N, C-alpha and C. Protein backbone atom coordinates (compact mmCIF):
# COMPACT_ATOMS: atom_id res chain seq x y z
N UNK A 1 -50.67 19.68 -44.66
CA UNK A 1 -50.07 19.84 -43.34
C UNK A 1 -49.60 21.28 -43.17
N UNK A 2 -50.02 21.92 -42.11
CA UNK A 2 -49.70 23.33 -41.89
C UNK A 2 -48.54 23.46 -40.90
N UNK A 3 -47.58 24.27 -41.29
CA UNK A 3 -46.39 24.49 -40.46
C UNK A 3 -46.22 25.97 -40.18
N UNK A 4 -45.88 26.29 -38.94
CA UNK A 4 -45.64 27.68 -38.57
C UNK A 4 -44.17 27.86 -38.23
N UNK A 5 -43.54 28.89 -38.81
CA UNK A 5 -42.15 29.22 -38.53
C UNK A 5 -42.13 30.53 -37.74
N UNK A 6 -41.52 30.50 -36.57
CA UNK A 6 -41.63 31.63 -35.66
C UNK A 6 -40.81 32.86 -36.07
N UNK A 7 -39.88 32.69 -37.00
CA UNK A 7 -39.11 33.82 -37.51
C UNK A 7 -38.50 33.40 -38.84
N UNK A 8 -38.33 34.35 -39.74
CA UNK A 8 -37.85 34.03 -41.08
C UNK A 8 -36.48 33.35 -41.01
N UNK A 9 -36.36 32.26 -41.76
CA UNK A 9 -35.11 31.52 -41.89
C UNK A 9 -34.68 31.58 -43.35
N UNK A 10 -33.48 31.11 -43.69
CA UNK A 10 -33.06 31.13 -45.10
C UNK A 10 -34.09 30.47 -46.02
N UNK A 11 -34.26 31.05 -47.18
CA UNK A 11 -35.31 30.63 -48.11
C UNK A 11 -35.20 29.16 -48.50
N UNK A 12 -33.97 28.65 -48.54
CA UNK A 12 -33.80 27.25 -48.93
C UNK A 12 -34.53 26.31 -47.98
N UNK A 13 -34.55 26.66 -46.69
CA UNK A 13 -35.26 25.84 -45.71
C UNK A 13 -36.76 25.91 -45.88
N UNK A 14 -37.26 27.10 -46.16
CA UNK A 14 -38.69 27.28 -46.39
C UNK A 14 -39.13 26.51 -47.63
N UNK A 15 -38.30 26.59 -48.68
CA UNK A 15 -38.64 25.91 -49.93
C UNK A 15 -38.65 24.40 -49.77
N UNK A 16 -37.77 23.89 -48.93
CA UNK A 16 -37.74 22.44 -48.68
C UNK A 16 -39.08 21.96 -48.12
N UNK A 17 -39.65 22.75 -47.22
CA UNK A 17 -40.95 22.38 -46.65
C UNK A 17 -42.05 22.47 -47.71
N UNK A 18 -42.00 23.52 -48.51
CA UNK A 18 -43.03 23.68 -49.55
C UNK A 18 -42.94 22.58 -50.59
N UNK A 19 -41.71 22.17 -50.91
CA UNK A 19 -41.52 21.10 -51.90
C UNK A 19 -42.10 19.78 -51.41
N UNK A 20 -42.18 19.63 -50.09
CA UNK A 20 -42.77 18.42 -49.51
C UNK A 20 -44.30 18.52 -49.42
N UNK A 21 -44.82 19.66 -49.87
CA UNK A 21 -46.27 19.83 -49.86
C UNK A 21 -46.83 20.49 -48.62
N UNK A 22 -45.96 21.01 -47.75
CA UNK A 22 -46.43 21.65 -46.53
C UNK A 22 -46.90 23.07 -46.81
N UNK A 23 -47.97 23.45 -46.15
CA UNK A 23 -48.42 24.84 -46.17
C UNK A 23 -47.65 25.58 -45.08
N UNK A 24 -46.95 26.63 -45.45
CA UNK A 24 -46.04 27.29 -44.51
C UNK A 24 -46.48 28.71 -44.21
N UNK A 25 -46.62 29.02 -42.93
CA UNK A 25 -46.84 30.39 -42.47
C UNK A 25 -45.60 30.84 -41.70
N UNK A 26 -45.21 32.09 -41.92
CA UNK A 26 -43.99 32.60 -41.29
C UNK A 26 -44.29 33.90 -40.57
N UNK A 27 -43.74 34.04 -39.39
CA UNK A 27 -43.85 35.30 -38.67
C UNK A 27 -43.27 36.41 -39.55
N UNK A 28 -44.06 37.40 -39.95
CA UNK A 28 -43.57 38.44 -40.85
C UNK A 28 -42.63 39.45 -40.18
N UNK A 29 -42.60 39.43 -38.86
CA UNK A 29 -41.76 40.38 -38.12
C UNK A 29 -40.39 39.74 -37.87
N UNK A 30 -39.35 40.40 -38.34
CA UNK A 30 -38.01 39.84 -38.18
C UNK A 30 -37.48 40.17 -36.78
N UNK A 31 -38.12 39.60 -35.80
CA UNK A 31 -37.73 39.76 -34.40
C UNK A 31 -38.33 38.62 -33.60
N UNK A 32 -37.86 38.50 -32.36
CA UNK A 32 -38.41 37.47 -31.48
C UNK A 32 -39.82 37.87 -31.06
N UNK A 33 -40.75 36.96 -31.19
CA UNK A 33 -42.12 37.22 -30.75
C UNK A 33 -42.20 37.11 -29.23
N UNK A 34 -43.01 37.95 -28.63
CA UNK A 34 -43.28 37.79 -27.21
C UNK A 34 -44.10 36.52 -27.02
N UNK A 35 -44.16 36.04 -25.80
CA UNK A 35 -44.93 34.83 -25.54
C UNK A 35 -46.39 35.02 -25.92
N UNK A 36 -46.95 36.18 -25.59
CA UNK A 36 -48.36 36.43 -25.90
C UNK A 36 -48.59 36.49 -27.41
N UNK A 37 -47.65 37.07 -28.14
CA UNK A 37 -47.77 37.13 -29.61
C UNK A 37 -47.71 35.73 -30.20
N UNK A 38 -46.78 34.93 -29.71
CA UNK A 38 -46.63 33.57 -30.22
C UNK A 38 -47.89 32.75 -29.96
N UNK A 39 -48.40 32.85 -28.74
CA UNK A 39 -49.61 32.11 -28.39
C UNK A 39 -50.79 32.55 -29.25
N UNK A 40 -50.92 33.84 -29.48
CA UNK A 40 -52.01 34.36 -30.31
C UNK A 40 -51.91 33.81 -31.73
N UNK A 41 -50.72 33.82 -32.30
CA UNK A 41 -50.54 33.32 -33.66
C UNK A 41 -50.85 31.84 -33.77
N UNK A 42 -50.48 31.08 -32.75
CA UNK A 42 -50.72 29.64 -32.78
C UNK A 42 -52.19 29.31 -32.55
N UNK A 43 -52.84 30.05 -31.68
CA UNK A 43 -54.25 29.79 -31.38
C UNK A 43 -55.15 30.06 -32.57
N UNK A 44 -54.77 31.04 -33.38
CA UNK A 44 -55.63 31.45 -34.49
C UNK A 44 -55.56 30.51 -35.69
N UNK A 45 -54.70 29.51 -35.62
CA UNK A 45 -54.54 28.59 -36.74
C UNK A 45 -54.34 27.16 -36.23
N UNK A 46 -54.71 26.21 -37.04
CA UNK A 46 -54.56 24.80 -36.66
C UNK A 46 -53.28 24.24 -37.28
N UNK A 47 -52.16 24.54 -36.65
CA UNK A 47 -50.88 24.08 -37.18
C UNK A 47 -50.58 22.66 -36.74
N UNK A 48 -50.02 21.89 -37.67
CA UNK A 48 -49.62 20.52 -37.37
C UNK A 48 -48.18 20.44 -36.88
N UNK A 49 -47.40 21.46 -37.20
CA UNK A 49 -45.99 21.48 -36.81
C UNK A 49 -45.55 22.93 -36.61
N UNK A 50 -44.58 23.10 -35.71
CA UNK A 50 -44.03 24.42 -35.45
C UNK A 50 -42.51 24.34 -35.53
N UNK A 51 -41.93 25.22 -36.32
CA UNK A 51 -40.48 25.34 -36.37
C UNK A 51 -40.12 26.56 -35.54
N UNK A 52 -39.52 26.32 -34.38
CA UNK A 52 -39.19 27.41 -33.46
C UNK A 52 -37.68 27.62 -33.40
N UNK A 53 -37.29 28.75 -32.83
CA UNK A 53 -35.88 29.10 -32.72
C UNK A 53 -35.43 29.05 -31.27
N UNK A 54 -34.12 29.05 -31.06
CA UNK A 54 -33.59 28.99 -29.71
C UNK A 54 -33.97 30.20 -28.88
N UNK A 55 -34.39 31.28 -29.53
CA UNK A 55 -34.81 32.49 -28.82
C UNK A 55 -36.27 32.43 -28.38
N UNK A 56 -36.99 31.39 -28.79
CA UNK A 56 -38.38 31.22 -28.39
C UNK A 56 -38.45 30.36 -27.13
N UNK A 57 -39.17 30.84 -26.13
CA UNK A 57 -39.37 30.06 -24.92
C UNK A 57 -40.65 29.24 -25.08
N UNK A 58 -40.47 27.94 -25.20
CA UNK A 58 -41.60 27.05 -25.47
C UNK A 58 -41.95 26.29 -24.19
N UNK A 59 -43.12 26.59 -23.63
CA UNK A 59 -43.56 25.92 -22.41
C UNK A 59 -44.96 25.35 -22.60
N UNK A 60 -45.57 24.93 -21.51
CA UNK A 60 -46.88 24.31 -21.59
C UNK A 60 -47.94 25.19 -22.21
N UNK A 61 -47.90 26.48 -21.91
CA UNK A 61 -48.88 27.41 -22.47
C UNK A 61 -48.77 27.46 -24.00
N UNK A 62 -47.55 27.44 -24.49
CA UNK A 62 -47.34 27.49 -25.94
C UNK A 62 -47.80 26.19 -26.58
N UNK A 63 -47.47 25.06 -25.95
CA UNK A 63 -47.93 23.78 -26.48
C UNK A 63 -49.46 23.72 -26.53
N UNK A 64 -50.10 24.24 -25.49
CA UNK A 64 -51.57 24.22 -25.45
C UNK A 64 -52.17 25.10 -26.53
N UNK A 65 -51.49 26.20 -26.84
CA UNK A 65 -51.99 27.11 -27.89
C UNK A 65 -51.93 26.44 -29.26
N UNK A 66 -50.95 25.55 -29.42
CA UNK A 66 -50.81 24.82 -30.70
C UNK A 66 -51.32 23.40 -30.49
N UNK A 67 -52.56 23.28 -30.13
CA UNK A 67 -53.12 21.99 -29.74
C UNK A 67 -53.03 20.89 -30.77
N UNK A 68 -53.00 21.25 -32.05
CA UNK A 68 -52.94 20.24 -33.11
C UNK A 68 -51.52 19.87 -33.50
N UNK A 69 -50.55 20.62 -33.00
CA UNK A 69 -49.15 20.39 -33.40
C UNK A 69 -48.62 19.10 -32.79
N UNK A 70 -48.03 18.28 -33.64
CA UNK A 70 -47.46 17.01 -33.19
C UNK A 70 -45.95 17.11 -32.98
N UNK A 71 -45.35 18.17 -33.51
CA UNK A 71 -43.90 18.32 -33.38
C UNK A 71 -43.52 19.79 -33.31
N UNK A 72 -42.56 20.09 -32.45
CA UNK A 72 -41.89 21.39 -32.40
C UNK A 72 -40.44 21.13 -32.80
N UNK A 73 -40.08 21.58 -33.98
CA UNK A 73 -38.72 21.38 -34.49
C UNK A 73 -37.89 22.60 -34.13
N UNK A 74 -36.90 22.40 -33.27
CA UNK A 74 -36.10 23.51 -32.78
C UNK A 74 -34.95 23.82 -33.74
N UNK A 75 -34.91 25.04 -34.23
CA UNK A 75 -33.88 25.48 -35.17
C UNK A 75 -32.64 25.85 -34.36
N UNK A 76 -32.03 24.83 -33.77
CA UNK A 76 -30.90 25.06 -32.87
C UNK A 76 -30.21 23.74 -32.56
N UNK A 77 -28.96 23.85 -32.11
CA UNK A 77 -28.21 22.66 -31.72
C UNK A 77 -28.77 22.08 -30.43
N UNK A 78 -29.13 22.96 -29.49
CA UNK A 78 -29.64 22.51 -28.20
C UNK A 78 -31.15 22.61 -28.11
N UNK A 79 -31.66 22.50 -26.88
CA UNK A 79 -33.11 22.59 -26.67
C UNK A 79 -33.42 23.14 -25.28
N UNK A 80 -32.51 23.96 -24.74
CA UNK A 80 -32.72 24.53 -23.41
C UNK A 80 -33.94 25.44 -23.36
N UNK A 81 -34.38 25.92 -24.51
CA UNK A 81 -35.51 26.84 -24.55
C UNK A 81 -36.86 26.14 -24.53
N UNK A 82 -36.84 24.81 -24.50
CA UNK A 82 -38.09 24.04 -24.58
C UNK A 82 -38.30 23.23 -23.31
N UNK A 83 -39.50 23.30 -22.78
CA UNK A 83 -39.87 22.51 -21.60
C UNK A 83 -40.18 21.09 -22.07
N UNK A 84 -39.20 20.21 -21.94
CA UNK A 84 -39.36 18.84 -22.46
C UNK A 84 -40.40 18.05 -21.67
N UNK A 85 -40.50 18.30 -20.39
CA UNK A 85 -41.50 17.59 -19.58
C UNK A 85 -42.91 17.96 -20.03
N UNK A 86 -43.11 19.25 -20.33
CA UNK A 86 -44.42 19.70 -20.80
C UNK A 86 -44.73 19.07 -22.16
N UNK A 87 -43.71 18.94 -23.00
CA UNK A 87 -43.91 18.32 -24.31
C UNK A 87 -44.27 16.85 -24.16
N UNK A 88 -43.55 16.16 -23.29
CA UNK A 88 -43.80 14.73 -23.06
C UNK A 88 -45.21 14.50 -22.52
N UNK A 89 -45.61 15.36 -21.62
CA UNK A 89 -46.94 15.24 -21.00
C UNK A 89 -48.04 15.35 -22.05
N UNK A 90 -47.79 16.15 -23.09
CA UNK A 90 -48.81 16.39 -24.12
C UNK A 90 -48.60 15.52 -25.36
N UNK A 91 -47.59 14.68 -25.33
CA UNK A 91 -47.34 13.80 -26.47
C UNK A 91 -46.81 14.53 -27.69
N UNK A 92 -46.09 15.63 -27.46
CA UNK A 92 -45.53 16.42 -28.56
C UNK A 92 -44.07 16.05 -28.77
N UNK A 93 -43.71 15.75 -30.00
CA UNK A 93 -42.33 15.43 -30.32
C UNK A 93 -41.50 16.71 -30.41
N UNK A 94 -40.26 16.66 -29.92
CA UNK A 94 -39.34 17.79 -30.01
C UNK A 94 -38.08 17.33 -30.72
N UNK A 95 -37.63 18.10 -31.70
CA UNK A 95 -36.40 17.76 -32.40
C UNK A 95 -35.44 18.95 -32.38
N UNK A 96 -34.17 18.65 -32.60
CA UNK A 96 -33.15 19.70 -32.69
C UNK A 96 -32.16 19.31 -33.78
N UNK A 97 -31.10 20.09 -33.94
CA UNK A 97 -30.16 19.84 -35.03
C UNK A 97 -28.72 19.78 -34.51
N UNK A 98 -28.38 18.76 -33.75
CA UNK A 98 -27.02 18.68 -33.18
C UNK A 98 -25.96 18.48 -34.25
N UNK A 99 -24.83 19.16 -34.06
CA UNK A 99 -23.68 18.93 -34.93
C UNK A 99 -23.63 19.74 -36.21
N UNK A 100 -24.73 20.38 -36.59
CA UNK A 100 -24.75 21.04 -37.89
C UNK A 100 -23.89 22.31 -37.94
N UNK A 101 -23.57 22.87 -36.79
CA UNK A 101 -22.82 24.13 -36.77
C UNK A 101 -21.38 23.98 -36.30
N UNK A 102 -20.94 22.76 -36.06
CA UNK A 102 -19.59 22.57 -35.52
C UNK A 102 -18.51 23.17 -36.41
N UNK A 103 -18.57 22.88 -37.69
CA UNK A 103 -17.56 23.41 -38.61
C UNK A 103 -17.68 24.92 -38.75
N UNK A 104 -18.92 25.42 -38.80
CA UNK A 104 -19.12 26.86 -38.96
C UNK A 104 -18.56 27.63 -37.77
N UNK A 105 -18.81 27.13 -36.56
CA UNK A 105 -18.32 27.81 -35.36
C UNK A 105 -16.79 27.71 -35.29
N UNK A 106 -16.25 26.56 -35.67
CA UNK A 106 -14.79 26.40 -35.68
C UNK A 106 -14.15 27.38 -36.67
N UNK A 107 -14.75 27.52 -37.84
CA UNK A 107 -14.25 28.48 -38.82
C UNK A 107 -14.30 29.90 -38.26
N UNK A 108 -15.38 30.20 -37.56
CA UNK A 108 -15.53 31.53 -36.97
C UNK A 108 -14.46 31.77 -35.91
N UNK A 109 -14.18 30.74 -35.10
CA UNK A 109 -13.16 30.86 -34.06
C UNK A 109 -11.79 31.16 -34.67
N UNK A 110 -11.45 30.43 -35.73
CA UNK A 110 -10.16 30.66 -36.39
C UNK A 110 -10.13 32.03 -37.06
N UNK A 111 -11.25 32.44 -37.62
CA UNK A 111 -11.34 33.78 -38.22
C UNK A 111 -11.04 34.86 -37.20
N UNK A 112 -11.59 34.71 -36.00
CA UNK A 112 -11.34 35.70 -34.94
C UNK A 112 -9.87 35.70 -34.52
N UNK A 113 -9.26 34.52 -34.48
CA UNK A 113 -7.83 34.45 -34.16
C UNK A 113 -7.01 35.21 -35.20
N UNK A 114 -7.34 34.99 -36.47
CA UNK A 114 -6.63 35.67 -37.55
C UNK A 114 -6.86 37.18 -37.48
N UNK A 115 -8.08 37.58 -37.16
CA UNK A 115 -8.41 39.00 -37.07
C UNK A 115 -7.60 39.69 -35.97
N UNK A 116 -7.43 38.99 -34.85
CA UNK A 116 -6.63 39.55 -33.76
C UNK A 116 -5.16 39.62 -34.15
N UNK A 117 -4.65 38.52 -34.70
CA UNK A 117 -3.23 38.48 -35.06
C UNK A 117 -2.88 39.53 -36.11
N UNK A 118 -3.76 39.70 -37.08
CA UNK A 118 -3.48 40.63 -38.18
C UNK A 118 -4.12 42.00 -37.99
N UNK A 119 -4.72 42.23 -36.83
CA UNK A 119 -5.29 43.53 -36.45
C UNK A 119 -6.31 44.02 -37.49
N UNK A 120 -7.17 43.12 -37.92
CA UNK A 120 -8.12 43.42 -38.99
C UNK A 120 -9.13 44.49 -38.57
N UNK A 121 -9.78 44.29 -37.41
CA UNK A 121 -10.80 45.25 -36.98
C UNK A 121 -10.19 46.63 -36.75
N UNK A 122 -9.01 46.66 -36.14
CA UNK A 122 -8.33 47.92 -35.88
C UNK A 122 -7.97 48.62 -37.19
N UNK A 123 -7.49 47.86 -38.15
CA UNK A 123 -7.12 48.43 -39.45
C UNK A 123 -8.33 48.95 -40.20
N UNK A 124 -9.44 48.22 -40.11
CA UNK A 124 -10.67 48.65 -40.77
C UNK A 124 -11.13 50.01 -40.24
N UNK A 125 -11.13 50.15 -38.91
CA UNK A 125 -11.52 51.43 -38.31
C UNK A 125 -10.56 52.55 -38.71
N UNK A 126 -9.28 52.21 -38.77
CA UNK A 126 -8.24 53.18 -39.13
C UNK A 126 -8.50 53.75 -40.53
N UNK A 127 -8.80 52.86 -41.48
CA UNK A 127 -9.05 53.29 -42.86
C UNK A 127 -10.35 54.06 -42.97
N UNK A 128 -11.40 53.58 -42.31
CA UNK A 128 -12.71 54.24 -42.39
C UNK A 128 -12.67 55.66 -41.82
N UNK A 129 -11.79 55.91 -40.86
CA UNK A 129 -11.66 57.25 -40.29
C UNK A 129 -10.77 58.16 -41.14
N UNK A 130 -10.30 57.64 -42.27
CA UNK A 130 -9.49 58.45 -43.17
C UNK A 130 -8.07 58.69 -42.71
N UNK A 131 -7.58 57.84 -41.83
CA UNK A 131 -6.24 58.04 -41.27
C UNK A 131 -5.13 57.44 -42.14
N UNK A 132 -5.50 56.57 -43.08
CA UNK A 132 -4.46 55.93 -43.89
C UNK A 132 -3.90 56.92 -44.91
N UNK A 133 -2.59 57.15 -44.85
CA UNK A 133 -1.94 58.08 -45.76
C UNK A 133 -0.91 57.39 -46.65
N UNK A 134 -0.74 56.10 -46.44
CA UNK A 134 0.24 55.35 -47.22
C UNK A 134 0.94 54.32 -46.35
N UNK A 135 1.60 53.38 -47.01
CA UNK A 135 2.24 52.28 -46.30
C UNK A 135 3.42 52.77 -45.47
N UNK A 136 3.62 52.13 -44.33
CA UNK A 136 4.78 52.39 -43.49
C UNK A 136 5.19 51.07 -42.84
N UNK A 137 6.47 50.84 -42.64
CA UNK A 137 6.94 49.54 -42.14
C UNK A 137 6.29 49.09 -40.84
N UNK A 138 5.99 50.03 -39.95
CA UNK A 138 5.45 49.67 -38.64
C UNK A 138 3.95 49.93 -38.52
N UNK A 139 3.33 50.37 -39.60
CA UNK A 139 1.92 50.73 -39.53
C UNK A 139 1.04 49.50 -39.35
N UNK A 140 0.35 49.44 -38.21
CA UNK A 140 -0.59 48.36 -37.91
C UNK A 140 0.04 46.98 -38.16
N UNK A 141 1.28 46.87 -37.77
CA UNK A 141 2.01 45.62 -37.98
C UNK A 141 1.47 44.53 -37.05
N UNK A 142 0.90 43.51 -37.64
CA UNK A 142 0.36 42.42 -36.85
C UNK A 142 1.38 41.31 -36.68
N UNK A 143 0.90 40.14 -36.35
CA UNK A 143 1.79 38.99 -36.20
C UNK A 143 1.25 37.83 -37.03
N UNK A 144 2.13 36.93 -37.40
CA UNK A 144 1.72 35.79 -38.20
C UNK A 144 0.93 34.77 -37.38
N UNK A 145 0.14 33.98 -38.06
CA UNK A 145 -0.63 32.93 -37.40
C UNK A 145 -0.04 31.55 -37.72
N UNK A 146 0.59 31.46 -38.87
CA UNK A 146 1.15 30.18 -39.31
C UNK A 146 2.24 29.71 -38.35
N UNK A 147 2.12 28.46 -37.91
CA UNK A 147 3.14 27.88 -37.05
C UNK A 147 3.06 28.26 -35.59
N UNK A 148 2.04 29.01 -35.20
CA UNK A 148 1.90 29.42 -33.81
C UNK A 148 1.36 28.26 -32.96
N UNK A 149 1.32 28.48 -31.65
CA UNK A 149 0.74 27.50 -30.73
C UNK A 149 -0.67 27.95 -30.37
N UNK A 150 -1.64 27.13 -30.72
CA UNK A 150 -3.04 27.45 -30.50
C UNK A 150 -3.56 26.67 -29.30
N UNK A 151 -4.13 27.37 -28.35
CA UNK A 151 -4.70 26.73 -27.17
C UNK A 151 -6.20 26.55 -27.30
N UNK A 152 -6.67 25.36 -26.99
CA UNK A 152 -8.10 25.06 -27.06
C UNK A 152 -8.56 24.53 -25.71
N UNK A 153 -9.60 25.13 -25.18
CA UNK A 153 -10.16 24.69 -23.91
C UNK A 153 -11.50 24.02 -24.19
N UNK A 154 -11.53 22.72 -24.02
CA UNK A 154 -12.73 21.94 -24.33
C UNK A 154 -12.62 21.31 -25.70
N UNK A 155 -12.35 20.01 -25.75
CA UNK A 155 -12.14 19.33 -27.03
C UNK A 155 -13.40 18.56 -27.43
N UNK A 156 -14.50 19.30 -27.56
CA UNK A 156 -15.74 18.70 -28.03
C UNK A 156 -15.82 18.76 -29.54
N UNK A 157 -17.04 18.78 -30.07
CA UNK A 157 -17.21 18.81 -31.53
C UNK A 157 -16.55 20.04 -32.15
N UNK A 158 -16.76 21.20 -31.53
CA UNK A 158 -16.20 22.44 -32.08
C UNK A 158 -14.69 22.49 -31.85
N UNK A 159 -14.27 22.08 -30.66
CA UNK A 159 -12.84 22.10 -30.35
C UNK A 159 -12.02 21.22 -31.29
N UNK A 160 -12.54 20.03 -31.60
CA UNK A 160 -11.80 19.14 -32.50
C UNK A 160 -11.73 19.71 -33.91
N UNK A 161 -12.82 20.32 -34.38
CA UNK A 161 -12.80 20.94 -35.71
C UNK A 161 -11.80 22.10 -35.75
N UNK A 162 -11.78 22.89 -34.68
CA UNK A 162 -10.85 24.02 -34.61
C UNK A 162 -9.41 23.52 -34.63
N UNK A 163 -9.15 22.45 -33.91
CA UNK A 163 -7.81 21.88 -33.87
C UNK A 163 -7.35 21.44 -35.27
N UNK A 164 -8.24 20.80 -36.01
CA UNK A 164 -7.90 20.35 -37.36
C UNK A 164 -7.59 21.54 -38.28
N UNK A 165 -8.41 22.59 -38.22
CA UNK A 165 -8.19 23.75 -39.08
C UNK A 165 -6.86 24.42 -38.74
N UNK A 166 -6.60 24.61 -37.44
CA UNK A 166 -5.38 25.28 -37.02
C UNK A 166 -4.14 24.48 -37.39
N UNK A 167 -4.21 23.17 -37.19
CA UNK A 167 -3.04 22.33 -37.45
C UNK A 167 -2.83 22.07 -38.94
N UNK A 168 -3.87 21.62 -39.61
CA UNK A 168 -3.73 21.24 -41.01
C UNK A 168 -3.71 22.44 -41.95
N UNK A 169 -4.42 23.50 -41.56
CA UNK A 169 -4.49 24.67 -42.43
C UNK A 169 -3.37 25.68 -42.20
N UNK A 170 -2.88 25.74 -40.96
CA UNK A 170 -1.91 26.79 -40.64
C UNK A 170 -0.64 26.25 -39.97
N UNK A 171 -0.50 24.94 -39.94
CA UNK A 171 0.71 24.37 -39.38
C UNK A 171 0.92 24.70 -37.92
N UNK A 172 -0.16 24.96 -37.20
CA UNK A 172 -0.05 25.35 -35.79
C UNK A 172 0.14 24.12 -34.91
N UNK A 173 0.81 24.33 -33.79
CA UNK A 173 0.83 23.30 -32.76
C UNK A 173 -0.40 23.53 -31.89
N UNK A 174 -1.09 22.47 -31.56
CA UNK A 174 -2.31 22.57 -30.77
C UNK A 174 -2.06 22.03 -29.37
N UNK A 175 -2.37 22.84 -28.38
CA UNK A 175 -2.38 22.36 -27.00
C UNK A 175 -3.80 22.51 -26.49
N UNK A 176 -4.24 21.57 -25.69
CA UNK A 176 -5.64 21.62 -25.27
C UNK A 176 -5.82 21.12 -23.85
N UNK A 177 -6.91 21.58 -23.25
CA UNK A 177 -7.33 21.07 -21.95
C UNK A 177 -8.77 20.58 -22.08
N UNK A 178 -9.04 19.46 -21.47
CA UNK A 178 -10.40 18.95 -21.35
C UNK A 178 -10.46 18.16 -20.05
N UNK A 179 -11.65 17.82 -19.62
CA UNK A 179 -11.75 17.07 -18.36
C UNK A 179 -11.15 15.67 -18.50
N UNK A 180 -11.00 15.22 -19.75
CA UNK A 180 -10.32 13.95 -19.98
C UNK A 180 -9.49 14.04 -21.25
N UNK A 181 -8.37 13.40 -21.24
CA UNK A 181 -7.49 13.39 -22.41
C UNK A 181 -8.08 12.52 -23.51
N UNK A 182 -7.95 12.98 -24.76
CA UNK A 182 -8.47 12.23 -25.90
C UNK A 182 -7.29 11.71 -26.73
N UNK A 183 -6.76 10.58 -26.32
CA UNK A 183 -5.58 10.03 -27.00
C UNK A 183 -5.91 9.52 -28.40
N UNK A 184 -7.12 9.05 -28.62
CA UNK A 184 -7.50 8.60 -29.97
C UNK A 184 -7.48 9.77 -30.94
N UNK A 185 -7.96 10.93 -30.49
CA UNK A 185 -7.95 12.12 -31.34
C UNK A 185 -6.52 12.56 -31.62
N UNK A 186 -5.66 12.47 -30.63
CA UNK A 186 -4.27 12.89 -30.79
C UNK A 186 -3.57 12.08 -31.88
N UNK A 187 -3.99 10.83 -32.07
CA UNK A 187 -3.36 9.96 -33.07
C UNK A 187 -3.65 10.42 -34.50
N UNK A 188 -4.63 11.32 -34.66
CA UNK A 188 -4.94 11.83 -35.99
C UNK A 188 -3.94 12.89 -36.45
N UNK A 189 -3.04 13.31 -35.55
CA UNK A 189 -2.10 14.38 -35.84
C UNK A 189 -0.67 13.84 -35.88
N UNK A 190 0.21 14.51 -36.61
CA UNK A 190 1.62 14.12 -36.60
C UNK A 190 2.20 14.22 -35.19
N UNK A 191 3.16 13.42 -34.89
CA UNK A 191 3.77 13.41 -33.56
C UNK A 191 4.28 14.81 -33.19
N UNK A 192 3.95 15.23 -31.99
CA UNK A 192 4.42 16.52 -31.49
C UNK A 192 3.59 17.72 -31.88
N UNK A 193 2.55 17.52 -32.70
CA UNK A 193 1.76 18.66 -33.16
C UNK A 193 0.52 18.93 -32.31
N UNK A 194 0.23 18.02 -31.37
CA UNK A 194 -0.89 18.24 -30.46
C UNK A 194 -0.50 17.69 -29.09
N UNK A 195 -0.89 18.43 -28.05
CA UNK A 195 -0.46 18.03 -26.71
C UNK A 195 -1.55 18.36 -25.69
N UNK A 196 -1.83 17.41 -24.84
CA UNK A 196 -2.79 17.61 -23.75
C UNK A 196 -2.12 18.33 -22.59
N UNK A 197 -2.84 19.28 -21.99
CA UNK A 197 -2.35 19.98 -20.81
C UNK A 197 -3.30 19.70 -19.65
N UNK A 198 -2.77 19.48 -18.46
CA UNK A 198 -3.61 19.08 -17.33
C UNK A 198 -4.40 20.22 -16.69
N UNK A 199 -4.21 21.45 -17.15
CA UNK A 199 -4.96 22.56 -16.56
C UNK A 199 -5.17 23.68 -17.57
N UNK A 200 -6.19 24.48 -17.34
CA UNK A 200 -6.45 25.64 -18.20
C UNK A 200 -5.31 26.63 -18.10
N UNK A 201 -4.79 26.81 -16.89
CA UNK A 201 -3.70 27.77 -16.69
C UNK A 201 -2.49 27.44 -17.56
N UNK A 202 -2.18 26.16 -17.72
CA UNK A 202 -1.04 25.78 -18.54
C UNK A 202 -1.30 26.08 -20.02
N UNK A 203 -2.53 25.89 -20.45
CA UNK A 203 -2.88 26.24 -21.84
C UNK A 203 -2.70 27.74 -22.05
N UNK A 204 -3.23 28.53 -21.14
CA UNK A 204 -3.14 29.99 -21.27
C UNK A 204 -1.69 30.47 -21.21
N UNK A 205 -0.89 29.79 -20.43
CA UNK A 205 0.52 30.18 -20.28
C UNK A 205 1.32 29.91 -21.54
N UNK A 206 1.04 28.81 -22.22
CA UNK A 206 1.87 28.39 -23.35
C UNK A 206 1.33 28.79 -24.72
N UNK A 207 0.04 29.05 -24.82
CA UNK A 207 -0.54 29.39 -26.13
C UNK A 207 -0.12 30.79 -26.56
N UNK A 208 0.02 30.96 -27.88
CA UNK A 208 0.34 32.29 -28.42
C UNK A 208 -0.90 33.18 -28.43
């Protein structure tokens, strides 16, 4: 079974396919292929499967170029880049990977909060420019994150993970806005540590 990967992905993923006995071809250019390049690569080979990325626009022309492909596996949480009607018309299966990045994105969100509070990026630039001459009480003095009030807008998969990290990891109070209150989720937290707000403005007003 021949599989085409539209851009290099981590080696562990490539090896998983090879371990299953798949013959794997990979776009050697570490960039997004143009539509014409992608079509040319697919036409020149009889691939049974295509692993595409969210940066690839997959439409009827691309499906036709990969006439033998039975599945386009999207290396992404969503599938906005794929014409599902065109896939259905041609009997091509489309898959995606929902939920796999929720924790990673939540970790990234908290990392950015910490970076702002502790002035990490500013301090890094300060040192790289050779301005650091020694410690001073007020030099790049940031603020603590522990125990602060964290505002979350949208309590979906990522929002709930972020709430858990902020509350359980840093003792933060969580306030959130969503189109509907999630009382079941609130029960996972100690009393008073999470609170629903009826508007985005209230979250922005009260969050640190």
